[in-house]
Amino acid sequence: MAENTSKSFAAHAEGADWVKGLRPYFVYRDLGMKSATEGRVMAHVIRAAQSCDGPMGYHSHELEFQMNYLLKGWARIDLADVGEIEVTAGDAWYQAPGVAHELMEYSDDFEVIEITIPGDFPTIDETR
């Protein structure tokens, strides 16, 4: 096993940077896991930057692991392998590798923690 050269750290909320990312209707706050794990794991907080204008478009990700924990608000999500689910603050969901999914709608206060393995992965637009 390779030697772990990373050091423990804390990602403080106060003064954190929120940046635009993959989806223009969200802002993202990096929690520093990608750097700490040399790209093996990514964790960020995703927050609604604007009201939902309708379904976001089906897509999938080429990765090993993806889970979400909803901090605030609610959302309606369609996962190709299980169908539509509704989640509220405190709920978590796992998206199996490569599963097409679409965020159908979300609340204005939507805020979720997303964790993936690996830290970088491609996103593929899907047609349904």
C-alpha atoms as a PDB file:
ATOM      1  CA  MET A   1       0.000   0.000   0.000  1.00  0.00           C
ATOM      2  CA  ALA A   2       1.277   3.474  -0.910  1.00  0.00           C
ATOM      3  CA  GLU A   3       2.336   5.751   1.901  1.00  0.00           C
ATOM      4  CA  ASN A   4      -0.292   8.349   2.860  1.00  0.00           C
ATOM      5  CA  THR A   5       1.351  11.758   2.649  1.00  0.00           C
ATOM      6  CA  SER A   6      -1.803  13.836   3.177  1.00  0.00           C
ATOM      7  CA  LYS A   7      -2.514  15.665   6.420  1.00  0.00           C
ATOM      8  CA  SER A   8      -5.751  16.075   8.311  1.00  0.00           C
ATOM      9  CA  PHE A   9      -7.483  19.431   7.956  1.00  0.00           C
ATOM     10  CA  ALA A  10     -10.787  21.257   8.432  1.00  0.00           C
ATOM     11  CA  ALA A  11     -12.830  22.988   5.716  1.00  0.00           C
ATOM     12  CA  HIS A  12     -14.459  25.933   7.498  1.00  0.00           C
ATOM     13  CA  ALA A  13     -17.801  27.336   6.326  1.00  0.00           C
ATOM     14  CA  GLU A  14     -16.972  30.903   7.317  1.00  0.00           C
ATOM     15  CA  GLY A  15     -15.387  32.669   4.369  1.00  0.00           C
ATOM     16  CA  ALA A  16     -15.735  29.634   2.079  1.00  0.00           C
ATOM     17  CA  ASP A  17     -15.685  30.238  -1.674  1.00  0.00           C
ATOM     18  CA  TRP A  18     -18.815  29.399  -3.665  1.00  0.00           C
ATOM     19  CA  VAL A  19     -18.063  29.063  -7.376  1.00  0.00           C
ATOM     20  CA  LYS A  20     -19.918  28.257 -10.572  1.00  0.00           C
ATOM     21  CA  GLY A  21     -19.423  24.717 -11.794  1.00  0.00           C
ATOM     22  CA  LEU A  22     -20.913  21.990 -13.972  1.00  0.00           C
ATOM     23  CA  ARG A  23     -24.493  23.280 -13.745  1.00  0.00           C
ATOM     24  CA  PRO A  24     -25.113  27.057 -14.123  1.00  0.00           C
ATOM     25  CA  TYR A  25     -28.120  27.041 -11.777  1.00  0.00           C
ATOM     26  CA  PHE A  26     -25.949  25.865  -8.854  1.00  0.00           C
ATOM     27  CA  VAL A  27     -22.900  27.137  -6.971  1.00  0.00           C
ATOM     28  CA  TYR A  28     -20.352  24.761  -5.497  1.00  0.00           C
ATOM     29  CA  ARG A  29     -18.189  24.780  -2.378  1.00  0.00           C
ATOM     30  CA  ASP A  30     -15.185  22.464  -2.489  1.00  0.00           C
ATOM     31  CA  LEU A  31     -14.614  20.668   0.834  1.00  0.00           C
ATOM     32  CA  GLY A  32     -10.963  19.916   0.037  1.00  0.00           C
ATOM     33  CA  MET A  33     -11.182  16.125  -0.163  1.00  0.00           C
ATOM     34  CA  LYS A  34      -9.894  15.888  -3.728  1.00  0.00           C
ATOM     35  CA  SER A  35      -6.680  17.652  -2.784  1.00  0.00           C
ATOM     36  CA  ALA A  36      -6.346  15.752   0.512  1.00  0.00           C
ATOM     37  CA  THR A  37      -6.804  12.346  -1.162  1.00  0.00           C
ATOM     38  CA  GLU A  38      -4.754  13.086  -4.280  1.00  0.00           C
ATOM     39  CA  GLY A  39      -7.913  12.902  -6.412  1.00  0.00           C
ATOM     40  CA  ARG A  40      -9.300   9.656  -5.034  1.00  0.00           C
ATOM     41  CA  VAL A  41     -12.383  11.293  -3.429  1.00  0.00           C
ATOM     42  CA  MET A  42     -14.325  14.475  -4.134  1.00  0.00           C
ATOM     43  CA  ALA A  43     -16.739  16.131  -1.702  1.00  0.00           C
ATOM     44  CA  HIS A  44     -18.520  19.404  -2.240  1.00  0.00           C
ATOM     45  CA  VAL A  45     -21.635  21.257  -1.210  1.00  0.00           C
ATOM     46  CA  ILE A  46     -24.000  22.190  -4.023  1.00  0.00           C
ATOM     47  CA  ARG A  47     -26.439  25.058  -3.462  1.00  0.00           C
ATOM     48  CA  ALA A  48     -29.247  26.429  -5.641  1.00  0.00           C
ATOM     49  CA  ALA A  49     -28.183  29.723  -7.231  1.00  0.00           C
ATOM     50  CA  GLN A  50     -31.537  30.287  -8.914  1.00  0.00           C
ATOM     51  CA  SER A  51     -35.076  28.939  -8.897  1.00  0.00           C
ATOM     52  CA  CYS A  52     -35.729  25.714 -10.765  1.00  0.00           C
ATOM     53  CA  ASP A  53     -36.871  26.253 -14.363  1.00  0.00           C
ATOM     54  CA  GLY A  54     -37.834  22.611 -14.916  1.00  0.00           C
ATOM     55  CA  PRO A  55     -36.009  19.337 -15.552  1.00  0.00           C
ATOM     56  CA  MET A  56     -32.242  19.669 -15.867  1.00  0.00           C
ATOM     57  CA  GLY A  57     -31.592  17.009 -18.531  1.00  0.00           C
ATOM     58  CA  TYR A  58     -30.678  13.337 -18.196  1.00  0.00           C
ATOM     59  CA  HIS A  59     -26.990  12.601 -17.738  1.00  0.00           C
ATOM     60  CA  SER A  60     -24.702  10.004 -16.212  1.00  0.00           C
ATOM     61  CA  HIS A  61     -21.229   9.933 -14.716  1.00  0.00           C
ATOM     62  CA  GLU A  62     -18.384   7.480 -15.245  1.00  0.00           C
ATOM     63  CA  LEU A  63     -17.306   6.903 -11.654  1.00  0.00           C
ATOM     64  CA  GLU A  64     -17.101   4.218  -8.982  1.00  0.00           C
ATOM     65  CA  PHE A  65     -19.258   5.828  -6.270  1.00  0.00           C
ATOM     66  CA  GLN A  66     -21.669   8.756  -5.923  1.00  0.00           C
ATOM     67  CA  MET A  67     -23.819   9.650  -2.937  1.00  0.00           C
ATOM     68  CA  ASN A  68     -25.701  12.736  -1.865  1.00  0.00           C
ATOM     69  CA  TYR A  69     -26.942  13.998   1.497  1.00  0.00           C
ATOM     70  CA  LEU A  70     -29.585  16.733   1.395  1.00  0.00           C
ATOM     71  CA  LEU A  71     -28.848  19.467   3.924  1.00  0.00           C
ATOM     72  CA  LYS A  72     -31.725  21.835   3.126  1.00  0.00           C
ATOM     73  CA  GLY A  73     -34.847  21.920   1.008  1.00  0.00           C
ATOM     74  CA  TRP A  74     -36.311  19.198  -1.186  1.00  0.00           C
ATOM     75  CA  ALA A  75     -35.876  17.740  -4.664  1.00  0.00           C
ATOM     76  CA  ARG A  76     -37.518  15.374  -7.110  1.00  0.00           C
ATOM     77  CA  ILE A  77     -35.028  13.156  -8.969  1.00  0.00           C
ATOM     78  CA  ASP A  78     -35.474  10.510 -11.662  1.00  0.00           C
ATOM     79  CA  LEU A  79     -32.961   7.636 -11.483  1.00  0.00           C
ATOM     80  CA  ALA A  80     -33.135   5.375 -14.547  1.00  0.00           C
ATOM     81  CA  ASP A  81     -32.777   2.188 -12.489  1.00  0.00           C
ATOM     82  CA  VAL A  82     -35.401   2.927  -9.784  1.00  0.00           C
ATOM     83  CA  GLY A  83     -37.634   5.703 -11.119  1.00  0.00           C
ATOM     84  CA  GLU A  84     -38.609   8.966  -9.534  1.00  0.00           C
ATOM     85  CA  ILE A  85     -37.760   9.715  -5.913  1.00  0.00           C
ATOM     86  CA  GLU A  86     -38.520  12.682  -3.694  1.00  0.00           C
ATOM     87  CA  VAL A  87     -36.026  13.718  -1.033  1.00  0.00           C
ATOM     88  CA  THR A  88     -36.183  16.233   1.799  1.00  0.00           C
ATOM     89  CA  ALA A  89     -33.596  17.630   4.212  1.00  0.00           C
ATOM     90  CA  GLY A  90     -31.859  14.789   6.056  1.00  0.00           C
ATOM     91  CA  ASP A  91     -32.355  12.251   3.236  1.00  0.00           C
ATOM     92  CA  ALA A  92     -29.475  10.595   1.390  1.00  0.00           C
ATOM     93  CA  TRP A  93     -29.357   8.765  -1.925  1.00  0.00           C
ATOM     94  CA  TYR A  94     -26.871   6.623  -3.794  1.00  0.00           C
ATOM     95  CA  GLN A  95     -26.554   6.739  -7.562  1.00  0.00           C
ATOM     96  CA  ALA A  96     -25.136   3.535  -8.988  1.00  0.00           C
ATOM     97  CA  PRO A  97     -22.174   3.982 -11.368  1.00  0.00           C
ATOM     98  CA  GLY A  98     -23.244   5.023 -14.864  1.00  0.00           C
ATOM     99  CA  VAL A  99     -26.958   5.351 -14.044  1.00  0.00           C
ATOM    100  CA  ALA A 100     -28.716   8.064 -16.041  1.00  0.00           C
ATOM    101  CA  HIS A 101     -30.463  10.566 -13.792  1.00  0.00           C
ATOM    102  CA  GLU A 102     -32.205  13.912 -13.939  1.00  0.00           C
ATOM    103  CA  LEU A 103     -33.030  16.516 -11.347  1.00  0.00           C
ATOM    104  CA  MET A 104     -36.699  17.205 -12.124  1.00  0.00           C
ATOM    105  CA  GLU A 105     -37.214  20.062  -9.665  1.00  0.00           C
ATOM    106  CA  TYR A 106     -35.792  21.455  -6.440  1.00  0.00           C
ATOM    107  CA  SER A 107     -36.614  24.034  -3.781  1.00  0.00           C
ATOM    108  CA  ASP A 108     -35.054  27.496  -3.732  1.00  0.00           C
ATOM    109  CA  ASP A 109     -33.134  26.544  -0.562  1.00  0.00           C
ATOM    110  CA  PHE A 110     -31.776  23.267  -2.039  1.00  0.00           C
ATOM    111  CA  GLU A 111     -28.357  22.416  -0.567  1.00  0.00           C
ATOM    112  CA  VAL A 112     -26.681  18.998  -0.792  1.00  0.00           C
ATOM    113  CA  ILE A 113     -23.340  17.378  -0.003  1.00  0.00           C
ATOM    114  CA  GLU A 114     -22.097  15.183  -2.846  1.00  0.00           C
ATOM    115  CA  ILE A 115     -19.275  12.649  -2.451  1.00  0.00           C
ATOM    116  CA  THR A 116     -17.734  10.794  -5.390  1.00  0.00           C
ATOM    117  CA  ILE A 117     -14.968   8.327  -6.111  1.00  0.00           C
ATOM    118  CA  PRO A 118     -12.854   9.277  -7.977  1.00  0.00           C
ATOM    119  CA  GLY A 119     -12.567  13.029  -7.598  1.00  0.00           C
ATOM    120  CA  ASP A 120     -12.598  13.721 -11.336  1.00  0.00           C
ATOM    121  CA  PHE A 121     -14.979  11.959 -13.700  1.00  0.00           C
ATOM    122  CA  PRO A 122     -16.687  12.567 -17.046  1.00  0.00           C
ATOM    123  CA  THR A 123     -20.356  13.540 -17.356  1.00  0.00           C
ATOM    124  CA  ILE A 124     -22.289  12.177 -20.324  1.00  0.00           C
ATOM    125  CA  ASP A 125     -25.505  13.769 -21.587  1.00  0.00           C
ATOM    126  CA  GLU A 126     -28.193  11.114 -22.080  1.00  0.00           C
ATOM    127  CA  THR A 127     -31.318  10.984 -24.232  1.00  0.00           C
ATOM    128  CA  ARG A 128     -34.486   9.357 -22.946  1.00  0.00           C
END
